[in-house]
């Protein structure tokens, strides 16, 4: 844990934005989760999301998925992966209200590709109670942190990379090694 203390005063008026790869499931190095068999929940994630279910009014996933833009998978396949992911989360007592993804390539500079804010704006349109100042983004990259900062969110880096934290202290609000560690911290 990078910083200590309770993250603000979280109540049911707060929203949680989660990145997917490297936060919810194991990130495949130089590859993409192209089918359900490639998807593996990280340790403690199901327990963490169950805990978040009790704390946050809205929980959404925002994920860049340029494997679609590269032609490595179809939107229908990604939707099926997300349906199965949500089903597993719900079976464990958790909840994901909606998954937003951007299939565009990195070089497209799409408004919807993090660190740009399009997915956040879509989420707020779908869930008007979202207030970015009362939101947390939990992600494993500086792009996730920049997305959160641009929208005025509280940023939480899920990573054990000390170097990343040292290079970007102005972008990272908190750092935890896992989603479960964040859940336990918030629930103090």
N, C-alpha and C. Protein backbone atom coordinates (compact mmCIF):
# COMPACT_ATOMS: atom_id res chain seq x y z
N UNK A 1 0.84 -1.17 0.00
CA UNK A 1 0.00 0.00 0.00
C UNK A 1 0.89 1.24 0.00
N UNK A 2 0.62 2.12 -0.89
CA UNK A 2 1.44 3.33 -1.05
C UNK A 2 1.14 4.38 0.01
N UNK A 3 -0.15 4.63 0.28
CA UNK A 3 -0.55 5.64 1.24
C UNK A 3 -1.43 4.99 2.29
N UNK A 4 -1.54 5.61 3.43
CA UNK A 4 -2.39 5.05 4.47
C UNK A 4 -3.55 5.98 4.75
N UNK A 5 -4.54 5.47 5.43
CA UNK A 5 -5.72 6.26 5.76
C UNK A 5 -6.90 5.84 4.92
N UNK A 6 -8.06 6.19 5.38
CA UNK A 6 -9.28 5.82 4.66
C UNK A 6 -9.46 6.70 3.43
N UNK A 7 -9.90 6.12 2.33
CA UNK A 7 -10.15 6.87 1.11
C UNK A 7 -11.47 7.61 1.29
N UNK A 8 -11.37 8.89 1.60
CA UNK A 8 -12.54 9.75 1.75
C UNK A 8 -13.60 9.08 2.63
N UNK A 9 -14.83 9.43 2.46
CA UNK A 9 -15.93 8.79 3.19
C UNK A 9 -16.87 8.17 2.18
N UNK A 10 -16.56 6.98 1.77
CA UNK A 10 -17.33 6.31 0.72
C UNK A 10 -18.66 5.84 1.28
N UNK A 11 -19.73 6.17 0.57
CA UNK A 11 -21.05 5.68 0.91
C UNK A 11 -21.74 5.28 -0.40
N UNK A 12 -23.00 4.92 -0.29
CA UNK A 12 -23.72 4.40 -1.46
C UNK A 12 -23.93 5.42 -2.57
N UNK A 13 -23.49 6.66 -2.38
CA UNK A 13 -23.60 7.64 -3.46
C UNK A 13 -22.37 7.60 -4.37
N UNK A 14 -21.40 6.78 -4.03
CA UNK A 14 -20.15 6.69 -4.80
C UNK A 14 -20.26 5.67 -5.92
N UNK A 15 -19.40 5.84 -6.93
CA UNK A 15 -19.33 4.91 -8.07
C UNK A 15 -17.91 4.36 -8.17
N UNK A 16 -17.80 3.16 -8.70
CA UNK A 16 -16.51 2.50 -8.90
C UNK A 16 -16.36 2.15 -10.37
N UNK A 17 -15.25 2.59 -10.95
CA UNK A 17 -14.87 2.24 -12.31
C UNK A 17 -13.70 1.27 -12.20
N UNK A 18 -13.80 0.13 -12.87
CA UNK A 18 -12.74 -0.87 -12.84
C UNK A 18 -12.20 -1.11 -14.25
N UNK A 19 -10.88 -1.12 -14.37
CA UNK A 19 -10.27 -1.63 -15.59
C UNK A 19 -10.44 -3.15 -15.53
N UNK A 20 -10.27 -3.83 -16.64
CA UNK A 20 -10.45 -5.29 -16.63
C UNK A 20 -9.12 -6.02 -16.56
N UNK A 21 -8.36 -6.03 -17.67
CA UNK A 21 -7.13 -6.84 -17.74
C UNK A 21 -6.09 -6.31 -16.77
N UNK A 22 -5.62 -7.18 -15.89
CA UNK A 22 -4.62 -6.80 -14.90
C UNK A 22 -5.23 -6.32 -13.59
N UNK A 23 -6.56 -6.17 -13.57
CA UNK A 23 -7.27 -5.75 -12.35
C UNK A 23 -8.28 -6.81 -11.94
N UNK A 24 -9.13 -7.21 -12.88
CA UNK A 24 -10.13 -8.26 -12.63
C UNK A 24 -9.57 -9.62 -13.03
N UNK A 25 -8.94 -9.67 -14.17
CA UNK A 25 -8.40 -10.94 -14.67
C UNK A 25 -6.91 -10.79 -14.97
N UNK A 26 -6.27 -11.93 -15.10
CA UNK A 26 -4.85 -11.96 -15.41
C UNK A 26 -4.61 -11.34 -16.78
N UNK A 27 -3.68 -10.40 -16.82
CA UNK A 27 -3.29 -9.78 -18.10
C UNK A 27 -2.40 -10.76 -18.84
N UNK A 28 -2.71 -11.01 -20.10
CA UNK A 28 -1.88 -11.88 -20.94
C UNK A 28 -0.80 -11.02 -21.58
N UNK A 29 0.45 -11.36 -21.36
CA UNK A 29 1.57 -10.58 -21.88
C UNK A 29 1.61 -10.72 -23.40
N UNK A 30 1.61 -9.59 -24.09
CA UNK A 30 1.68 -9.55 -25.56
C UNK A 30 0.57 -10.37 -26.22
N UNK A 31 -0.60 -10.42 -25.57
CA UNK A 31 -1.72 -11.17 -26.12
C UNK A 31 -3.02 -10.58 -25.57
N UNK A 32 -4.13 -11.15 -25.97
CA UNK A 32 -5.45 -10.69 -25.56
C UNK A 32 -6.27 -11.88 -25.10
N UNK A 33 -7.20 -11.63 -24.20
CA UNK A 33 -8.18 -12.65 -23.81
C UNK A 33 -9.15 -12.75 -24.99
N UNK A 34 -9.02 -13.81 -25.77
CA UNK A 34 -9.79 -13.95 -27.01
C UNK A 34 -10.93 -14.95 -26.89
N UNK A 35 -11.01 -15.65 -25.75
CA UNK A 35 -12.10 -16.58 -25.49
C UNK A 35 -12.20 -16.78 -23.98
N UNK A 36 -13.32 -17.32 -23.53
CA UNK A 36 -13.54 -17.48 -22.09
C UNK A 36 -12.44 -18.34 -21.45
N UNK A 37 -11.94 -19.30 -22.18
CA UNK A 37 -10.90 -20.19 -21.63
C UNK A 37 -9.61 -19.43 -21.31
N UNK A 38 -9.40 -18.28 -21.95
CA UNK A 38 -8.22 -17.44 -21.68
C UNK A 38 -8.42 -16.56 -20.44
N UNK A 39 -9.66 -16.43 -19.98
CA UNK A 39 -10.00 -15.52 -18.89
C UNK A 39 -9.75 -16.21 -17.56
N UNK A 40 -8.96 -15.57 -16.69
CA UNK A 40 -8.69 -16.11 -15.36
C UNK A 40 -8.79 -14.98 -14.34
N UNK A 41 -9.74 -15.12 -13.41
CA UNK A 41 -9.87 -14.11 -12.36
C UNK A 41 -8.59 -14.06 -11.53
N UNK A 42 -8.16 -12.86 -11.18
CA UNK A 42 -7.03 -12.71 -10.28
C UNK A 42 -7.46 -13.13 -8.88
N UNK A 43 -6.51 -13.58 -8.05
CA UNK A 43 -6.86 -14.00 -6.69
C UNK A 43 -7.55 -12.88 -5.91
N UNK A 44 -8.65 -13.24 -5.24
CA UNK A 44 -9.37 -12.32 -4.37
C UNK A 44 -10.33 -11.38 -5.07
N UNK A 45 -10.38 -11.39 -6.38
CA UNK A 45 -11.22 -10.44 -7.12
C UNK A 45 -12.71 -10.66 -6.83
N UNK A 46 -13.15 -11.90 -6.82
CA UNK A 46 -14.57 -12.17 -6.60
C UNK A 46 -14.98 -11.71 -5.19
N UNK A 47 -14.14 -11.94 -4.22
CA UNK A 47 -14.40 -11.48 -2.85
C UNK A 47 -14.42 -9.95 -2.80
N UNK A 48 -13.48 -9.32 -3.50
CA UNK A 48 -13.42 -7.85 -3.51
C UNK A 48 -14.68 -7.25 -4.12
N UNK A 49 -15.11 -7.77 -5.25
CA UNK A 49 -16.28 -7.20 -5.93
C UNK A 49 -17.54 -7.44 -5.10
N UNK A 50 -17.60 -8.55 -4.39
CA UNK A 50 -18.72 -8.77 -3.46
C UNK A 50 -18.74 -7.66 -2.40
N UNK A 51 -17.59 -7.32 -1.89
CA UNK A 51 -17.47 -6.24 -0.91
C UNK A 51 -17.88 -4.91 -1.53
N UNK A 52 -17.42 -4.63 -2.75
CA UNK A 52 -17.75 -3.38 -3.43
C UNK A 52 -19.26 -3.26 -3.66
N UNK A 53 -19.91 -4.38 -3.89
CA UNK A 53 -21.35 -4.41 -4.12
C UNK A 53 -22.10 -3.72 -2.98
N UNK A 54 -21.59 -3.86 -1.76
CA UNK A 54 -22.24 -3.27 -0.59
C UNK A 54 -21.91 -1.79 -0.43
N UNK A 55 -20.82 -1.34 -1.08
CA UNK A 55 -20.32 0.01 -0.85
C UNK A 55 -20.72 1.03 -1.91
N UNK A 56 -20.79 0.60 -3.17
CA UNK A 56 -20.93 1.54 -4.28
C UNK A 56 -22.30 1.42 -4.94
N UNK A 57 -22.86 2.59 -5.33
CA UNK A 57 -24.15 2.59 -6.01
C UNK A 57 -24.02 2.06 -7.44
N UNK A 58 -22.91 2.36 -8.07
CA UNK A 58 -22.69 1.96 -9.46
C UNK A 58 -21.30 1.37 -9.59
N UNK A 59 -21.21 0.22 -10.26
CA UNK A 59 -19.92 -0.41 -10.52
C UNK A 59 -19.87 -0.74 -12.01
N UNK A 60 -18.92 -0.13 -12.71
CA UNK A 60 -18.78 -0.38 -14.14
C UNK A 60 -17.34 -0.77 -14.47
N UNK A 61 -17.20 -1.46 -15.57
CA UNK A 61 -15.89 -1.82 -16.11
C UNK A 61 -15.65 -0.94 -17.33
N UNK A 62 -14.46 -0.37 -17.43
CA UNK A 62 -14.05 0.41 -18.60
C UNK A 62 -12.75 -0.20 -19.10
N UNK A 63 -12.78 -0.73 -20.32
CA UNK A 63 -11.63 -1.50 -20.79
C UNK A 63 -11.33 -1.23 -22.26
N UNK A 64 -10.06 -1.00 -22.56
CA UNK A 64 -9.61 -0.91 -23.94
C UNK A 64 -9.46 -2.33 -24.48
N UNK A 65 -10.00 -2.59 -25.65
CA UNK A 65 -9.95 -3.93 -26.24
C UNK A 65 -9.57 -3.83 -27.71
N UNK A 66 -8.33 -3.41 -27.96
CA UNK A 66 -7.91 -3.21 -29.34
C UNK A 66 -7.70 -4.52 -30.10
N UNK A 67 -7.80 -5.65 -29.42
CA UNK A 67 -7.77 -6.94 -30.12
C UNK A 67 -8.87 -7.02 -31.17
N UNK A 68 -9.98 -6.35 -30.92
CA UNK A 68 -11.07 -6.30 -31.90
C UNK A 68 -10.62 -5.47 -33.10
N UNK A 69 -10.05 -4.30 -32.83
CA UNK A 69 -9.56 -3.43 -33.91
C UNK A 69 -8.47 -4.09 -34.74
N UNK A 70 -7.72 -4.98 -34.13
CA UNK A 70 -6.67 -5.71 -34.85
C UNK A 70 -7.22 -6.93 -35.59
N UNK A 71 -8.50 -7.21 -35.43
CA UNK A 71 -9.11 -8.35 -36.11
C UNK A 71 -8.83 -9.68 -35.44
N UNK A 72 -8.40 -9.67 -34.18
CA UNK A 72 -8.07 -10.91 -33.48
C UNK A 72 -9.28 -11.56 -32.81
N UNK A 73 -10.35 -10.79 -32.67
CA UNK A 73 -11.58 -11.31 -32.09
C UNK A 73 -12.74 -10.45 -32.54
N UNK A 74 -13.95 -10.95 -32.36
CA UNK A 74 -15.16 -10.23 -32.76
C UNK A 74 -15.84 -9.64 -31.52
N UNK A 75 -16.63 -8.61 -31.73
CA UNK A 75 -17.38 -7.97 -30.66
C UNK A 75 -18.26 -9.00 -29.94
N UNK A 76 -18.89 -9.90 -30.70
CA UNK A 76 -19.77 -10.91 -30.11
C UNK A 76 -19.00 -11.79 -29.13
N UNK A 77 -17.78 -12.13 -29.49
CA UNK A 77 -16.95 -12.96 -28.61
C UNK A 77 -16.64 -12.20 -27.31
N UNK A 78 -16.27 -10.94 -27.44
CA UNK A 78 -15.98 -10.13 -26.26
C UNK A 78 -17.23 -10.00 -25.38
N UNK A 79 -18.38 -9.77 -26.00
CA UNK A 79 -19.63 -9.68 -25.23
C UNK A 79 -19.91 -10.97 -24.47
N UNK A 80 -19.64 -12.12 -25.09
CA UNK A 80 -19.83 -13.41 -24.40
C UNK A 80 -18.87 -13.57 -23.23
N UNK A 81 -17.62 -13.14 -23.41
CA UNK A 81 -16.65 -13.18 -22.31
C UNK A 81 -17.17 -12.33 -21.15
N UNK A 82 -17.67 -11.15 -21.46
CA UNK A 82 -18.16 -10.26 -20.41
C UNK A 82 -19.42 -10.81 -19.74
N UNK A 83 -20.29 -11.45 -20.49
CA UNK A 83 -21.49 -12.07 -19.90
C UNK A 83 -21.08 -13.16 -18.91
N UNK A 84 -20.11 -13.97 -19.29
CA UNK A 84 -19.65 -15.05 -18.39
C UNK A 84 -18.93 -14.46 -17.17
N UNK A 85 -18.15 -13.42 -17.38
CA UNK A 85 -17.46 -12.76 -16.27
C UNK A 85 -18.49 -12.23 -15.27
N UNK A 86 -19.51 -11.54 -15.77
CA UNK A 86 -20.54 -10.97 -14.89
C UNK A 86 -21.30 -12.08 -14.18
N UNK A 87 -21.59 -13.16 -14.87
CA UNK A 87 -22.29 -14.30 -14.26
C UNK A 87 -21.49 -14.88 -13.10
N UNK A 88 -20.19 -15.04 -13.29
CA UNK A 88 -19.32 -15.56 -12.22
C UNK A 88 -19.28 -14.59 -11.04
N UNK A 89 -19.21 -13.30 -11.34
CA UNK A 89 -19.18 -12.28 -10.28
C UNK A 89 -20.49 -12.31 -9.50
N UNK A 90 -21.61 -12.40 -10.21
CA UNK A 90 -22.92 -12.44 -9.54
C UNK A 90 -23.07 -13.70 -8.71
N UNK A 91 -22.58 -14.82 -9.21
CA UNK A 91 -22.64 -16.08 -8.45
C UNK A 91 -21.87 -15.99 -7.14
N UNK A 92 -20.85 -15.13 -7.12
CA UNK A 92 -20.03 -14.95 -5.91
C UNK A 92 -20.58 -13.82 -5.02
N UNK A 93 -21.73 -13.24 -5.38
CA UNK A 93 -22.34 -12.20 -4.57
C UNK A 93 -21.97 -10.78 -4.95
N UNK A 94 -21.30 -10.62 -6.08
CA UNK A 94 -20.89 -9.30 -6.55
C UNK A 94 -21.81 -8.78 -7.63
N UNK A 95 -21.42 -7.65 -8.21
CA UNK A 95 -22.24 -7.01 -9.23
C UNK A 95 -21.37 -6.13 -10.10
N UNK A 96 -21.64 -6.18 -11.40
CA UNK A 96 -21.12 -5.22 -12.37
C UNK A 96 -22.34 -4.67 -13.09
N UNK A 97 -22.54 -3.37 -13.02
CA UNK A 97 -23.74 -2.79 -13.63
C UNK A 97 -23.66 -2.72 -15.15
N UNK A 98 -22.46 -2.50 -15.67
CA UNK A 98 -22.30 -2.45 -17.12
C UNK A 98 -20.82 -2.50 -17.46
N UNK A 99 -20.52 -3.04 -18.64
CA UNK A 99 -19.15 -3.08 -19.15
C UNK A 99 -19.09 -2.18 -20.38
N UNK A 100 -18.13 -1.26 -20.37
CA UNK A 100 -17.85 -0.39 -21.51
C UNK A 100 -16.50 -0.79 -22.07
N UNK A 101 -16.43 -0.89 -23.40
CA UNK A 101 -15.14 -1.23 -24.00
C UNK A 101 -14.92 -0.38 -25.24
N UNK A 102 -13.65 -0.18 -25.54
CA UNK A 102 -13.27 0.53 -26.76
C UNK A 102 -12.47 -0.42 -27.63
N UNK A 103 -12.97 -0.75 -28.82
CA UNK A 103 -12.27 -1.65 -29.71
C UNK A 103 -11.22 -0.97 -30.59
N UNK A 104 -11.10 0.34 -30.47
CA UNK A 104 -10.24 1.10 -31.37
C UNK A 104 -8.76 0.88 -31.08
N UNK A 105 -7.97 1.01 -32.12
CA UNK A 105 -6.52 0.88 -31.99
C UNK A 105 -5.93 2.07 -31.24
N UNK A 106 -4.83 1.83 -30.57
CA UNK A 106 -4.14 2.86 -29.77
C UNK A 106 -3.90 4.12 -30.60
N UNK A 107 -3.43 3.95 -31.83
CA UNK A 107 -3.08 5.11 -32.66
C UNK A 107 -4.28 5.88 -33.19
N UNK A 108 -5.49 5.40 -32.96
CA UNK A 108 -6.69 6.09 -33.44
C UNK A 108 -6.99 7.37 -32.66
N UNK A 109 -6.48 7.45 -31.43
CA UNK A 109 -6.77 8.57 -30.53
C UNK A 109 -8.28 8.77 -30.34
N UNK A 110 -9.00 7.66 -30.32
CA UNK A 110 -10.45 7.67 -30.14
C UNK A 110 -10.82 8.31 -28.80
N UNK A 111 -11.89 9.07 -28.78
CA UNK A 111 -12.41 9.66 -27.54
C UNK A 111 -12.73 8.57 -26.52
N UNK A 112 -13.05 7.37 -27.01
CA UNK A 112 -13.49 6.29 -26.13
C UNK A 112 -12.35 5.41 -25.62
N UNK A 113 -11.16 5.63 -26.12
CA UNK A 113 -10.03 4.81 -25.69
C UNK A 113 -9.30 5.52 -24.55
N UNK A 114 -9.20 4.83 -23.40
CA UNK A 114 -8.46 5.42 -22.29
C UNK A 114 -7.02 5.67 -22.72
N UNK A 115 -6.44 6.79 -22.36
CA UNK A 115 -6.81 7.69 -21.27
C UNK A 115 -7.85 8.74 -21.61
N UNK A 116 -8.39 8.72 -22.83
CA UNK A 116 -9.46 9.66 -23.16
C UNK A 116 -10.73 9.29 -22.39
N UNK A 117 -11.68 10.19 -22.31
CA UNK A 117 -12.75 10.10 -21.32
C UNK A 117 -14.10 9.57 -21.84
N UNK A 118 -14.16 9.15 -23.08
CA UNK A 118 -15.44 8.76 -23.68
C UNK A 118 -16.22 7.70 -22.91
N UNK A 119 -15.54 6.66 -22.44
CA UNK A 119 -16.26 5.60 -21.72
C UNK A 119 -16.83 6.14 -20.40
N UNK A 120 -16.12 7.04 -19.76
CA UNK A 120 -16.63 7.65 -18.53
C UNK A 120 -17.88 8.48 -18.79
N UNK A 121 -17.86 9.24 -19.89
CA UNK A 121 -19.02 10.05 -20.25
C UNK A 121 -20.23 9.18 -20.61
N UNK A 122 -19.96 8.07 -21.30
CA UNK A 122 -21.05 7.13 -21.61
C UNK A 122 -21.66 6.57 -20.33
N UNK A 123 -20.80 6.21 -19.39
CA UNK A 123 -21.29 5.65 -18.12
C UNK A 123 -22.15 6.67 -17.39
N UNK A 124 -21.73 7.93 -17.36
CA UNK A 124 -22.52 8.94 -16.66
C UNK A 124 -23.85 9.18 -17.38
N UNK A 125 -23.86 9.08 -18.70
CA UNK A 125 -25.12 9.22 -19.44
C UNK A 125 -26.08 8.08 -19.08
N UNK A 126 -25.53 6.86 -18.98
CA UNK A 126 -26.36 5.69 -18.64
C UNK A 126 -26.76 5.67 -17.17
N UNK A 127 -25.92 6.21 -16.31
CA UNK A 127 -26.16 6.23 -14.86
C UNK A 127 -26.01 7.67 -14.38
N UNK A 128 -27.06 8.48 -14.52
CA UNK A 128 -26.97 9.91 -14.22
C UNK A 128 -26.56 10.24 -12.78
N UNK A 129 -26.68 9.29 -11.87
CA UNK A 129 -26.28 9.55 -10.48
C UNK A 129 -24.76 9.58 -10.31
N UNK A 130 -24.02 9.13 -11.32
CA UNK A 130 -22.55 9.15 -11.22
C UNK A 130 -22.07 10.59 -11.09
N UNK A 131 -21.26 10.83 -10.09
CA UNK A 131 -20.54 12.08 -9.90
C UNK A 131 -19.07 11.73 -9.88
N UNK A 132 -18.32 12.24 -10.84
CA UNK A 132 -16.92 11.84 -10.97
C UNK A 132 -16.11 12.15 -9.72
N UNK A 133 -16.42 13.22 -9.02
CA UNK A 133 -15.71 13.56 -7.77
C UNK A 133 -15.97 12.54 -6.67
N UNK A 134 -17.07 11.79 -6.84
CA UNK A 134 -17.41 10.73 -5.89
C UNK A 134 -17.28 9.38 -6.59
N UNK A 135 -16.21 9.25 -7.36
CA UNK A 135 -15.92 8.01 -8.09
C UNK A 135 -14.46 7.63 -7.89
N UNK A 136 -14.23 6.34 -8.01
CA UNK A 136 -12.87 5.80 -7.97
C UNK A 136 -12.64 5.03 -9.26
N UNK A 137 -11.48 5.21 -9.86
CA UNK A 137 -11.03 4.34 -10.96
C UNK A 137 -9.93 3.46 -10.38
N UNK A 138 -10.09 2.15 -10.53
CA UNK A 138 -9.05 1.21 -10.13
C UNK A 138 -8.53 0.57 -11.41
N UNK A 139 -7.26 0.83 -11.72
CA UNK A 139 -6.66 0.31 -12.94
C UNK A 139 -5.21 -0.02 -12.71
N UNK A 140 -4.61 -0.67 -13.71
CA UNK A 140 -3.22 -1.12 -13.56
C UNK A 140 -2.25 -0.36 -14.45
N UNK A 141 -2.71 0.74 -15.05
CA UNK A 141 -1.83 1.48 -15.95
C UNK A 141 -1.93 2.98 -15.70
N UNK A 142 -0.93 3.69 -16.16
CA UNK A 142 -0.97 5.15 -16.07
C UNK A 142 -2.11 5.70 -16.94
N UNK A 143 -2.42 5.05 -18.04
CA UNK A 143 -3.56 5.45 -18.87
C UNK A 143 -4.87 5.43 -18.08
N UNK A 144 -5.04 4.42 -17.23
CA UNK A 144 -6.22 4.37 -16.36
C UNK A 144 -6.23 5.54 -15.39
N UNK A 145 -5.06 5.84 -14.84
CA UNK A 145 -4.96 6.94 -13.87
C UNK A 145 -5.22 8.28 -14.55
N UNK A 146 -4.72 8.45 -15.78
CA UNK A 146 -4.94 9.69 -16.52
C UNK A 146 -6.42 9.85 -16.86
N UNK A 147 -7.07 8.77 -17.25
CA UNK A 147 -8.52 8.75 -17.51
C UNK A 147 -9.26 9.28 -16.27
N UNK A 148 -8.93 8.73 -15.11
CA UNK A 148 -9.56 9.16 -13.88
C UNK A 148 -9.29 10.61 -13.55
N UNK A 149 -8.05 11.05 -13.69
CA UNK A 149 -7.69 12.44 -13.37
C UNK A 149 -8.42 13.42 -14.28
N UNK A 150 -8.50 13.09 -15.58
CA UNK A 150 -9.19 13.98 -16.52
C UNK A 150 -10.66 14.19 -16.15
N UNK A 151 -11.26 13.17 -15.52
CA UNK A 151 -12.66 13.25 -15.13
C UNK A 151 -12.84 13.73 -13.69
N UNK A 152 -11.74 13.92 -12.97
CA UNK A 152 -11.82 14.37 -11.58
C UNK A 152 -12.06 13.26 -10.59
N UNK A 153 -11.76 12.02 -10.97
CA UNK A 153 -11.96 10.87 -10.09
C UNK A 153 -10.79 10.70 -9.11
N UNK A 154 -11.03 9.89 -8.10
CA UNK A 154 -9.98 9.41 -7.22
C UNK A 154 -9.33 8.22 -7.91
N UNK A 155 -8.01 8.20 -7.98
CA UNK A 155 -7.31 7.17 -8.74
C UNK A 155 -6.63 6.17 -7.82
N UNK A 156 -6.76 4.89 -8.20
CA UNK A 156 -6.14 3.81 -7.45
C UNK A 156 -5.42 2.91 -8.44
N UNK A 157 -4.12 2.84 -8.31
CA UNK A 157 -3.31 1.96 -9.15
C UNK A 157 -3.27 0.58 -8.50
N UNK A 158 -3.62 -0.44 -9.26
CA UNK A 158 -3.51 -1.82 -8.80
C UNK A 158 -2.25 -2.39 -9.43
N UNK A 159 -1.18 -2.41 -8.65
CA UNK A 159 0.12 -2.81 -9.18
C UNK A 159 1.11 -2.99 -8.04
N UNK A 160 2.08 -3.84 -8.27
CA UNK A 160 3.18 -3.96 -7.31
C UNK A 160 4.44 -3.29 -7.85
N UNK A 161 4.29 -2.49 -8.89
CA UNK A 161 5.41 -1.81 -9.55
C UNK A 161 5.74 -0.50 -8.83
N UNK A 162 6.74 -0.52 -7.96
CA UNK A 162 7.14 0.68 -7.23
C UNK A 162 7.63 1.78 -8.18
N UNK A 163 8.30 1.39 -9.23
CA UNK A 163 8.86 2.36 -10.18
C UNK A 163 7.76 3.19 -10.83
N UNK A 164 6.68 2.54 -11.21
CA UNK A 164 5.55 3.23 -11.83
C UNK A 164 5.00 4.30 -10.89
N UNK A 165 4.90 3.97 -9.62
CA UNK A 165 4.41 4.92 -8.63
C UNK A 165 5.35 6.10 -8.46
N UNK A 166 6.64 5.82 -8.47
CA UNK A 166 7.62 6.89 -8.29
C UNK A 166 7.64 7.84 -9.49
N UNK A 167 7.39 7.31 -10.68
CA UNK A 167 7.43 8.14 -11.89
C UNK A 167 6.19 9.03 -12.05
N UNK A 168 5.07 8.65 -11.43
CA UNK A 168 3.81 9.36 -11.67
C UNK A 168 3.07 9.67 -10.36
N UNK A 169 3.72 10.27 -9.40
CA UNK A 169 3.04 10.51 -8.11
C UNK A 169 1.85 11.46 -8.21
N UNK A 170 1.88 12.37 -9.18
CA UNK A 170 0.79 13.33 -9.33
C UNK A 170 -0.48 12.70 -9.92
N UNK A 171 -0.34 11.54 -10.54
CA UNK A 171 -1.46 10.88 -11.22
C UNK A 171 -2.09 9.79 -10.36
N UNK A 172 -1.30 9.20 -9.47
CA UNK A 172 -1.75 8.06 -8.68
C UNK A 172 -2.13 8.54 -7.28
N UNK A 173 -3.41 8.37 -6.94
CA UNK A 173 -3.86 8.76 -5.60
C UNK A 173 -3.46 7.74 -4.56
N UNK A 174 -3.71 6.47 -4.86
CA UNK A 174 -3.39 5.36 -3.97
C UNK A 174 -2.87 4.21 -4.81
N UNK A 175 -2.13 3.32 -4.16
CA UNK A 175 -1.65 2.12 -4.85
C UNK A 175 -1.81 0.92 -3.95
N UNK A 176 -2.38 -0.13 -4.51
CA UNK A 176 -2.54 -1.40 -3.82
C UNK A 176 -2.08 -2.51 -4.74
N UNK A 177 -1.70 -3.62 -4.17
CA UNK A 177 -1.22 -4.74 -4.98
C UNK A 177 -2.36 -5.54 -5.60
N UNK A 178 -3.57 -5.41 -5.05
CA UNK A 178 -4.69 -6.18 -5.58
C UNK A 178 -5.99 -5.46 -5.30
N UNK A 179 -7.02 -5.88 -5.99
CA UNK A 179 -8.36 -5.34 -5.77
C UNK A 179 -8.84 -5.70 -4.36
N UNK A 180 -8.48 -6.89 -3.90
CA UNK A 180 -8.87 -7.31 -2.56
C UNK A 180 -8.22 -6.41 -1.49
N UNK A 181 -6.98 -6.03 -1.70
CA UNK A 181 -6.32 -5.13 -0.76
C UNK A 181 -7.05 -3.78 -0.72
N UNK A 182 -7.48 -3.29 -1.87
CA UNK A 182 -8.27 -2.06 -1.91
C UNK A 182 -9.58 -2.23 -1.15
N UNK A 183 -10.27 -3.33 -1.39
CA UNK A 183 -11.56 -3.58 -0.72
C UNK A 183 -11.38 -3.60 0.79
N UNK A 184 -10.35 -4.24 1.27
CA UNK A 184 -10.11 -4.31 2.71
C UNK A 184 -9.76 -2.93 3.26
N UNK A 185 -9.03 -2.15 2.51
CA UNK A 185 -8.66 -0.80 2.94
C UNK A 185 -9.88 0.10 3.07
N UNK A 186 -10.75 0.04 2.08
CA UNK A 186 -11.95 0.87 2.08
C UNK A 186 -12.88 0.45 3.23
N UNK A 187 -12.88 -0.82 3.55
CA UNK A 187 -13.79 -1.35 4.57
C UNK A 187 -13.26 -1.23 5.98
N UNK A 188 -12.16 -0.52 6.21
CA UNK A 188 -11.60 -0.39 7.56
C UNK A 188 -12.63 0.13 8.55
